Amino acid sequence: MERKSLAYDPFQPIGRFCRQIVDELRKTVTPAAREWLAWSIAAFVFVIPLMALAAGMDLGIGRLTLMVFG
């Protein structure tokens, strides 16, 4: 009869977590080239106007600060 160790093994949950990650990654599907292109364009269309908005606000607030505080 094999005796079970009562000591806690901290690496056991880490190993289970890594196995679960690999199992989930096997379920994923790599997108086709056309999908990559579509998502890349969508990301740029979203990010570029936000960058322009942030830059414009930074410039405007900077000039306003210079006008107020000299």
PDB file of N, CA and C in Angstrom:
ATOM      1  N   MET A   1       0.835  -1.181   0.000  1.00  0.00           N
ATOM      2  CA  MET A   1       0.000   0.000   0.000  1.00  0.00           C
ATOM      3  C   MET A   1       0.883   1.250   0.000  1.00  0.00           C
ATOM      4  N   GLU A   2       0.644   2.118  -0.960  1.00  0.00           N
ATOM      5  CA  GLU A   2       1.452   3.327  -1.079  1.00  0.00           C
ATOM      6  C   GLU A   2       0.960   4.374  -0.092  1.00  0.00           C
ATOM      7  N   ARG A   3       1.900   4.995   0.557  1.00  0.00           N
ATOM      8  CA  ARG A   3       1.572   5.992   1.554  1.00  0.00           C
ATOM      9  C   ARG A   3       1.564   7.372   0.917  1.00  0.00           C
ATOM     10  N   LYS A   4       0.529   8.134   1.176  1.00  0.00           N
ATOM     11  CA  LYS A   4       0.403   9.472   0.610  1.00  0.00           C
ATOM     12  C   LYS A   4       1.167  10.471   1.475  1.00  0.00           C
ATOM     13  N   SER A   5       1.920  11.336   0.833  1.00  0.00           N
ATOM     14  CA  SER A   5       2.665  12.349   1.558  1.00  0.00           C
ATOM     15  C   SER A   5       1.722  13.459   2.006  1.00  0.00           C
ATOM     16  N   LEU A   6       1.883  13.880   3.236  1.00  0.00           N
ATOM     17  CA  LEU A   6       1.041  14.938   3.780  1.00  0.00           C
ATOM     18  C   LEU A   6       1.617  16.323   3.504  1.00  0.00           C
ATOM     19  N   ALA A   7       2.858  16.370   3.019  1.00  0.00           N
ATOM     20  CA  ALA A   7       3.495  17.658   2.741  1.00  0.00           C
ATOM     21  C   ALA A   7       2.876  18.283   1.494  1.00  0.00           C
ATOM     22  N   TYR A   8       2.694  19.575   1.544  1.00  0.00           N
ATOM     23  CA  TYR A   8       2.109  20.312   0.421  1.00  0.00           C
ATOM     24  C   TYR A   8       3.190  20.570  -0.615  1.00  0.00           C
ATOM     25  N   ASP A   9       2.884  20.263  -1.855  1.00  0.00           N
ATOM     26  CA  ASP A   9       3.815  20.508  -2.951  1.00  0.00           C
ATOM     27  C   ASP A   9       3.370  21.765  -3.691  1.00  0.00           C
ATOM     28  N   PRO A  10       4.099  22.879  -3.546  1.00  0.00           N
ATOM     29  CA  PRO A  10       3.663  24.132  -4.177  1.00  0.00           C
ATOM     30  C   PRO A  10       3.777  24.118  -5.701  1.00  0.00           C
ATOM     31  N   PHE A  11       4.504  23.153  -6.261  1.00  0.00           N
ATOM     32  CA  PHE A  11       4.692  23.121  -7.708  1.00  0.00           C
ATOM     33  C   PHE A  11       3.573  22.378  -8.427  1.00  0.00           C
ATOM     34  N   GLN A  12       2.769  21.634  -7.690  1.00  0.00           N
ATOM     35  CA  GLN A  12       1.686  20.880  -8.308  1.00  0.00           C
ATOM     36  C   GLN A  12       0.645  21.793  -8.960  1.00  0.00           C
ATOM     37  N   PRO A  13       0.165  22.855  -8.286  1.00  0.00           N
ATOM     38  CA  PRO A  13      -0.788  23.749  -8.956  1.00  0.00           C
ATOM     39  C   PRO A  13      -0.183  24.468 -10.161  1.00  0.00           C
ATOM     40  N   ILE A  14       1.102  24.766 -10.084  1.00  0.00           N
ATOM     41  CA  ILE A  14       1.768  25.441 -11.205  1.00  0.00           C
ATOM     42  C   ILE A  14       1.800  24.516 -12.420  1.00  0.00           C
ATOM     43  N   GLY A  15       2.111  23.239 -12.190  1.00  0.00           N
ATOM     44  CA  GLY A  15       2.120  22.270 -13.283  1.00  0.00           C
ATOM     45  C   GLY A  15       0.739  22.090 -13.886  1.00  0.00           C
ATOM     46  N   ARG A  16      -0.291  22.029 -13.031  1.00  0.00           N
ATOM     47  CA  ARG A  16      -1.668  21.890 -13.520  1.00  0.00           C
ATOM     48  C   ARG A  16      -2.053  23.112 -14.344  1.00  0.00           C
ATOM     49  N   PHE A  17      -1.667  24.299 -13.864  1.00  0.00           N
ATOM     50  CA  PHE A  17      -1.962  25.542 -14.584  1.00  0.00           C
ATOM     51  C   PHE A  17      -1.311  25.532 -15.966  1.00  0.00           C
ATOM     52  N   CYS A  18      -0.057  25.118 -16.040  1.00  0.00           N
ATOM     53  CA  CYS A  18       0.645  25.078 -17.330  1.00  0.00           C
ATOM     54  C   CYS A  18      -0.004  24.070 -18.277  1.00  0.00           C
ATOM     55  N   ARG A  19      -0.430  22.902 -17.761  1.00  0.00           N
ATOM     56  CA  ARG A  19      -1.116  21.923 -18.604  1.00  0.00           C
ATOM     57  C   ARG A  19      -2.430  22.482 -19.130  1.00  0.00           C
ATOM     58  N   GLN A  20      -3.143  23.219 -18.284  1.00  0.00           N
ATOM     59  CA  GLN A  20      -4.407  23.815 -18.718  1.00  0.00           C
ATOM     60  C   GLN A  20      -4.176  24.869 -19.794  1.00  0.00           C
ATOM     61  N   ILE A  21      -3.092  25.631 -19.670  1.00  0.00           N
ATOM     62  CA  ILE A  21      -2.761  26.631 -20.694  1.00  0.00           C
ATOM     63  C   ILE A  21      -2.526  25.947 -22.038  1.00  0.00           C
ATOM     64  N   VAL A  22      -1.743  24.871 -22.026  1.00  0.00           N
ATOM     65  CA  VAL A  22      -1.452  24.150 -23.266  1.00  0.00           C
ATOM     66  C   VAL A  22      -2.738  23.584 -23.860  1.00  0.00           C
ATOM     67  N   ASP A  23      -3.613  23.029 -23.013  1.00  0.00           N
ATOM     68  CA  ASP A  23      -4.889  22.491 -23.507  1.00  0.00           C
ATOM     69  C   ASP A  23      -5.737  23.577 -24.153  1.00  0.00           C
ATOM     70  N   GLU A  24      -5.791  24.756 -23.546  1.00  0.00           N
ATOM     71  CA  GLU A  24      -6.587  25.849 -24.110  1.00  0.00           C
ATOM     72  C   GLU A  24      -5.976  26.368 -25.408  1.00  0.00           C
ATOM     73  N   LEU A  25      -4.648  26.426 -25.475  1.00  0.00           N
ATOM     74  CA  LEU A  25      -3.991  26.891 -26.700  1.00  0.00           C
ATOM     75  C   LEU A  25      -4.228  25.934 -27.861  1.00  0.00           C
ATOM     76  N   ARG A  26      -4.385  24.651 -27.575  1.00  0.00           N
ATOM     77  CA  ARG A  26      -4.671  23.686 -28.638  1.00  0.00           C
ATOM     78  C   ARG A  26      -6.060  23.895 -29.224  1.00  0.00           C
ATOM     79  N   LYS A  27      -6.952  24.504 -28.468  1.00  0.00           N
ATOM     80  CA  LYS A  27      -8.320  24.738 -28.933  1.00  0.00           C
ATOM     81  C   LYS A  27      -8.424  25.959 -29.849  1.00  0.00           C
ATOM     82  N   THR A  28      -7.423  26.822 -29.834  1.00  0.00           N
ATOM     83  CA  THR A  28      -7.508  28.058 -30.603  1.00  0.00           C
ATOM     84  C   THR A  28      -7.287  27.804 -32.088  1.00  0.00           C
ATOM     85  N   VAL A  29      -7.780  28.723 -32.898  1.00  0.00           N
ATOM     86  CA  VAL A  29      -7.640  28.631 -34.347  1.00  0.00           C
ATOM     87  C   VAL A  29      -6.851  29.850 -34.810  1.00  0.00           C
ATOM     88  N   THR A  30      -5.838  29.630 -35.616  1.00  0.00           N
ATOM     89  CA  THR A  30      -5.044  30.734 -36.145  1.00  0.00           C
ATOM     90  C   THR A  30      -5.836  31.422 -37.251  1.00  0.00           C
ATOM     91  N   PRO A  31      -5.987  32.744 -37.173  1.00  0.00           N
ATOM     92  CA  PRO A  31      -6.751  33.439 -38.206  1.00  0.00           C
ATOM     93  C   PRO A  31      -6.047  33.415 -39.565  1.00  0.00           C
ATOM     94  N   ALA A  32      -6.851  33.514 -40.603  1.00  0.00           N
ATOM     95  CA  ALA A  32      -6.318  33.550 -41.964  1.00  0.00           C
ATOM     96  C   ALA A  32      -5.676  34.915 -42.220  1.00  0.00           C
ATOM     97  N   ALA A  33      -4.926  35.007 -43.298  1.00  0.00           N
ATOM     98  CA  ALA A  33      -4.223  36.248 -43.628  1.00  0.00           C
ATOM     99  C   ALA A  33      -5.199  37.402 -43.815  1.00  0.00           C
ATOM    100  N   ARG A  34      -6.342  37.132 -44.422  1.00  0.00           N
ATOM    101  CA  ARG A  34      -7.334  38.181 -44.654  1.00  0.00           C
ATOM    102  C   ARG A  34      -7.886  38.709 -43.323  1.00  0.00           C
ATOM    103  N   GLU A  35      -8.086  37.800 -42.361  1.00  0.00           N
ATOM    104  CA  GLU A  35      -8.567  38.221 -41.042  1.00  0.00           C
ATOM    105  C   GLU A  35      -7.517  39.051 -40.317  1.00  0.00           C
ATOM    106  N   TRP A  36      -6.237  38.629 -40.423  1.00  0.00           N
ATOM    107  CA  TRP A  36      -5.147  39.408 -39.818  1.00  0.00           C
ATOM    108  C   TRP A  36      -5.153  40.833 -40.376  1.00  0.00           C
ATOM    109  N   LEU A  37      -5.287  40.933 -41.685  1.00  0.00           N
ATOM    110  CA  LEU A  37      -5.283  42.241 -42.332  1.00  0.00           C
ATOM    111  C   LEU A  37      -6.463  43.084 -41.862  1.00  0.00           C
ATOM    112  N   ALA A  38      -7.638  42.478 -41.800  1.00  0.00           N
ATOM    113  CA  ALA A  38      -8.833  43.217 -41.381  1.00  0.00           C
ATOM    114  C   ALA A  38      -8.695  43.715 -39.947  1.00  0.00           C
ATOM    115  N   TRP A  39      -8.219  42.857 -39.053  1.00  0.00           N
ATOM    116  CA  TRP A  39      -8.069  43.269 -37.654  1.00  0.00           C
ATOM    117  C   TRP A  39      -6.956  44.310 -37.498  1.00  0.00           C
ATOM    118  N   SER A  40      -5.901  44.203 -38.286  1.00  0.00           N
ATOM    119  CA  SER A  40      -4.822  45.200 -38.218  1.00  0.00           C
ATOM    120  C   SER A  40      -5.321  46.565 -38.671  1.00  0.00           C
ATOM    121  N   ILE A  41      -6.073  46.591 -39.760  1.00  0.00           N
ATOM    122  CA  ILE A  41      -6.628  47.859 -40.249  1.00  0.00           C
ATOM    123  C   ILE A  41      -7.590  48.438 -39.224  1.00  0.00           C
ATOM    124  N   ALA A  42      -8.433  47.595 -38.643  1.00  0.00           N
ATOM    125  CA  ALA A  42      -9.380  48.066 -37.630  1.00  0.00           C
ATOM    126  C   ALA A  42      -8.646  48.654 -36.431  1.00  0.00           C
ATOM    127  N   ALA A  43      -7.554  48.025 -36.027  1.00  0.00           N
ATOM    128  CA  ALA A  43      -6.783  48.541 -34.895  1.00  0.00           C
ATOM    129  C   ALA A  43      -6.182  49.902 -35.226  1.00  0.00           C
ATOM    130  N   PHE A  44      -5.612  50.046 -36.420  1.00  0.00           N
ATOM    131  CA  PHE A  44      -5.041  51.335 -36.810  1.00  0.00           C
ATOM    132  C   PHE A  44      -6.110  52.413 -36.917  1.00  0.00           C
ATOM    133  N   VAL A  45      -7.257  52.064 -37.475  1.00  0.00           N
ATOM    134  CA  VAL A  45      -8.348  53.033 -37.612  1.00  0.00           C
ATOM    135  C   VAL A  45      -8.817  53.498 -36.238  1.00  0.00           C
ATOM    136  N   PHE A  46      -8.746  52.643 -35.249  1.00  0.00           N
ATOM    137  CA  PHE A  46      -9.153  53.007 -33.896  1.00  0.00           C
ATOM    138  C   PHE A  46      -8.055  53.777 -33.165  1.00  0.00           C
ATOM    139  N   VAL A  47      -6.809  53.330 -33.287  1.00  0.00           N
ATOM    140  CA  VAL A  47      -5.714  53.890 -32.494  1.00  0.00           C
ATOM    141  C   VAL A  47      -5.249  55.243 -33.015  1.00  0.00           C
ATOM    142  N   ILE A  48      -5.159  55.425 -34.320  1.00  0.00           N
ATOM    143  CA  ILE A  48      -4.620  56.672 -34.870  1.00  0.00           C
ATOM    144  C   ILE A  48      -5.470  57.882 -34.485  1.00  0.00           C
ATOM    145  N   PRO A  49      -6.807  57.845 -34.594  1.00  0.00           N
ATOM    146  CA  PRO A  49      -7.584  59.000 -34.128  1.00  0.00           C
ATOM    147  C   PRO A  49      -7.450  59.244 -32.623  1.00  0.00           C
ATOM    148  N   LEU A  50      -7.335  58.188 -31.845  1.00  0.00           N
ATOM    149  CA  LEU A  50      -7.143  58.382 -30.411  1.00  0.00           C
ATOM    150  C   LEU A  50      -5.796  59.034 -30.118  1.00  0.00           C
ATOM    151  N   MET A  51      -4.764  58.643 -30.865  1.00  0.00           N
ATOM    152  CA  MET A  51      -3.459  59.281 -30.694  1.00  0.00           C
ATOM    153  C   MET A  51      -3.529  60.750 -31.082  1.00  0.00           C
ATOM    154  N   ALA A  52      -4.222  61.052 -32.167  1.00  0.00           N
ATOM    155  CA  ALA A  52      -4.366  62.445 -32.599  1.00  0.00           C
ATOM    156  C   ALA A  52      -5.133  63.248 -31.554  1.00  0.00           C
ATOM    157  N   LEU A  53      -6.179  62.662 -30.986  1.00  0.00           N
ATOM    158  CA  LEU A  53      -6.945  63.342 -29.939  1.00  0.00           C
ATOM    159  C   LEU A  53      -6.076  63.617 -28.717  1.00  0.00           C
ATOM    160  N   ALA A  54      -5.314  62.624 -28.280  1.00  0.00           N
ATOM    161  CA  ALA A  54      -4.444  62.804 -27.117  1.00  0.00           C
ATOM    162  C   ALA A  54      -3.370  63.853 -27.395  1.00  0.00           C
ATOM    163  N   ALA A  55      -2.783  63.823 -28.593  1.00  0.00           N
ATOM    164  CA  ALA A  55      -1.754  64.809 -28.941  1.00  0.00           C
ATOM    165  C   ALA A  55      -2.352  66.208 -29.004  1.00  0.00           C
ATOM    166  N   GLY A  56      -3.540  66.335 -29.595  1.00  0.00           N
ATOM    167  CA  GLY A  56      -4.199  67.640 -29.665  1.00  0.00           C
ATOM    168  C   GLY A  56      -4.541  68.185 -28.291  1.00  0.00           C
ATOM    169  N   MET A  57      -5.042  67.322 -27.420  1.00  0.00           N
ATOM    170  CA  MET A  57      -5.360  67.770 -26.062  1.00  0.00           C
ATOM    171  C   MET A  57      -4.094  68.180 -25.321  1.00  0.00           C
ATOM    172  N   ASP A  58      -3.018  67.419 -25.495  1.00  0.00           N
ATOM    173  CA  ASP A  58      -1.750  67.745 -24.844  1.00  0.00           C
ATOM    174  C   ASP A  58      -1.236  69.093 -25.323  1.00  0.00           C
ATOM    175  N   LEU A  59      -1.288  69.303 -26.627  1.00  0.00           N
ATOM    176  CA  LEU A  59      -0.838  70.572 -27.193  1.00  0.00           C
ATOM    177  C   LEU A  59      -1.709  71.726 -26.705  1.00  0.00           C
ATOM    178  N   GLY A  60      -3.019  71.531 -26.741  1.00  0.00           N
ATOM    179  CA  GLY A  60      -3.940  72.582 -26.314  1.00  0.00           C
ATOM    180  C   GLY A  60      -3.799  72.931 -24.844  1.00  0.00           C
ATOM    181  N   ILE A  61      -3.714  71.916 -24.001  1.00  0.00           N
ATOM    182  CA  ILE A  61      -3.574  72.172 -22.564  1.00  0.00           C
ATOM    183  C   ILE A  61      -2.223  72.808 -22.271  1.00  0.00           C
ATOM    184  N   GLY A  62      -1.193  72.402 -23.019  1.00  0.00           N
ATOM    185  CA  GLY A  62       0.124  73.015 -22.840  1.00  0.00           C
ATOM    186  C   GLY A  62       0.114  74.491 -23.197  1.00  0.00           C
ATOM    187  N   ARG A  63      -0.522  74.842 -24.311  1.00  0.00           N
ATOM    188  CA  ARG A  63      -0.602  76.255 -24.706  1.00  0.00           C
ATOM    189  C   ARG A  63      -1.458  77.053 -23.736  1.00  0.00           C
ATOM    190  N   LEU A  64      -2.562  76.456 -23.279  1.00  0.00           N
ATOM    191  CA  LEU A  64      -3.422  77.122 -22.304  1.00  0.00           C
ATOM    192  C   LEU A  64      -2.663  77.379 -21.007  1.00  0.00           C
ATOM    193  N   THR A  65      -1.867  76.427 -20.584  1.00  0.00           N
ATOM    194  CA  THR A  65      -1.063  76.592 -19.375  1.00  0.00           C
ATOM    195  C   THR A  65      -0.057  77.722 -19.555  1.00  0.00           C
ATOM    196  N   LEU A  66       0.571  77.796 -20.720  1.00  0.00           N
ATOM    197  CA  LEU A  66       1.520  78.880 -20.976  1.00  0.00           C
ATOM    198  C   LEU A  66       0.823  80.239 -20.988  1.00  0.00           C
ATOM    199  N   MET A  67      -0.399  80.294 -21.535  1.00  0.00           N
ATOM    200  CA  MET A  67      -1.134  81.561 -21.553  1.00  0.00           C
ATOM    201  C   MET A  67      -1.517  81.995 -20.142  1.00  0.00           C
ATOM    202  N   VAL A  68      -1.918  81.053 -19.310  1.00  0.00           N
ATOM    203  CA  VAL A  68      -2.368  81.395 -17.957  1.00  0.00           C
ATOM    204  C   VAL A  68      -1.189  81.728 -17.056  1.00  0.00           C
ATOM    205  N   PHE A  69      -0.147  80.920 -17.082  1.00  0.00           N
ATOM    206  CA  PHE A  69       0.952  81.086 -16.140  1.00  0.00           C
ATOM    207  C   PHE A  69       2.174  81.767 -16.750  1.00  0.00           C
ATOM    208  N   GLY A  70       2.112  82.099 -18.016  1.00  0.00           N
ATOM    209  CA  GLY A  70       3.164  82.874 -18.647  1.00  0.00           C
ATOM    210  C   GLY A  70       4.370  82.108 -18.937  1.00  0.00           C
TER     211      GLY A  70
END
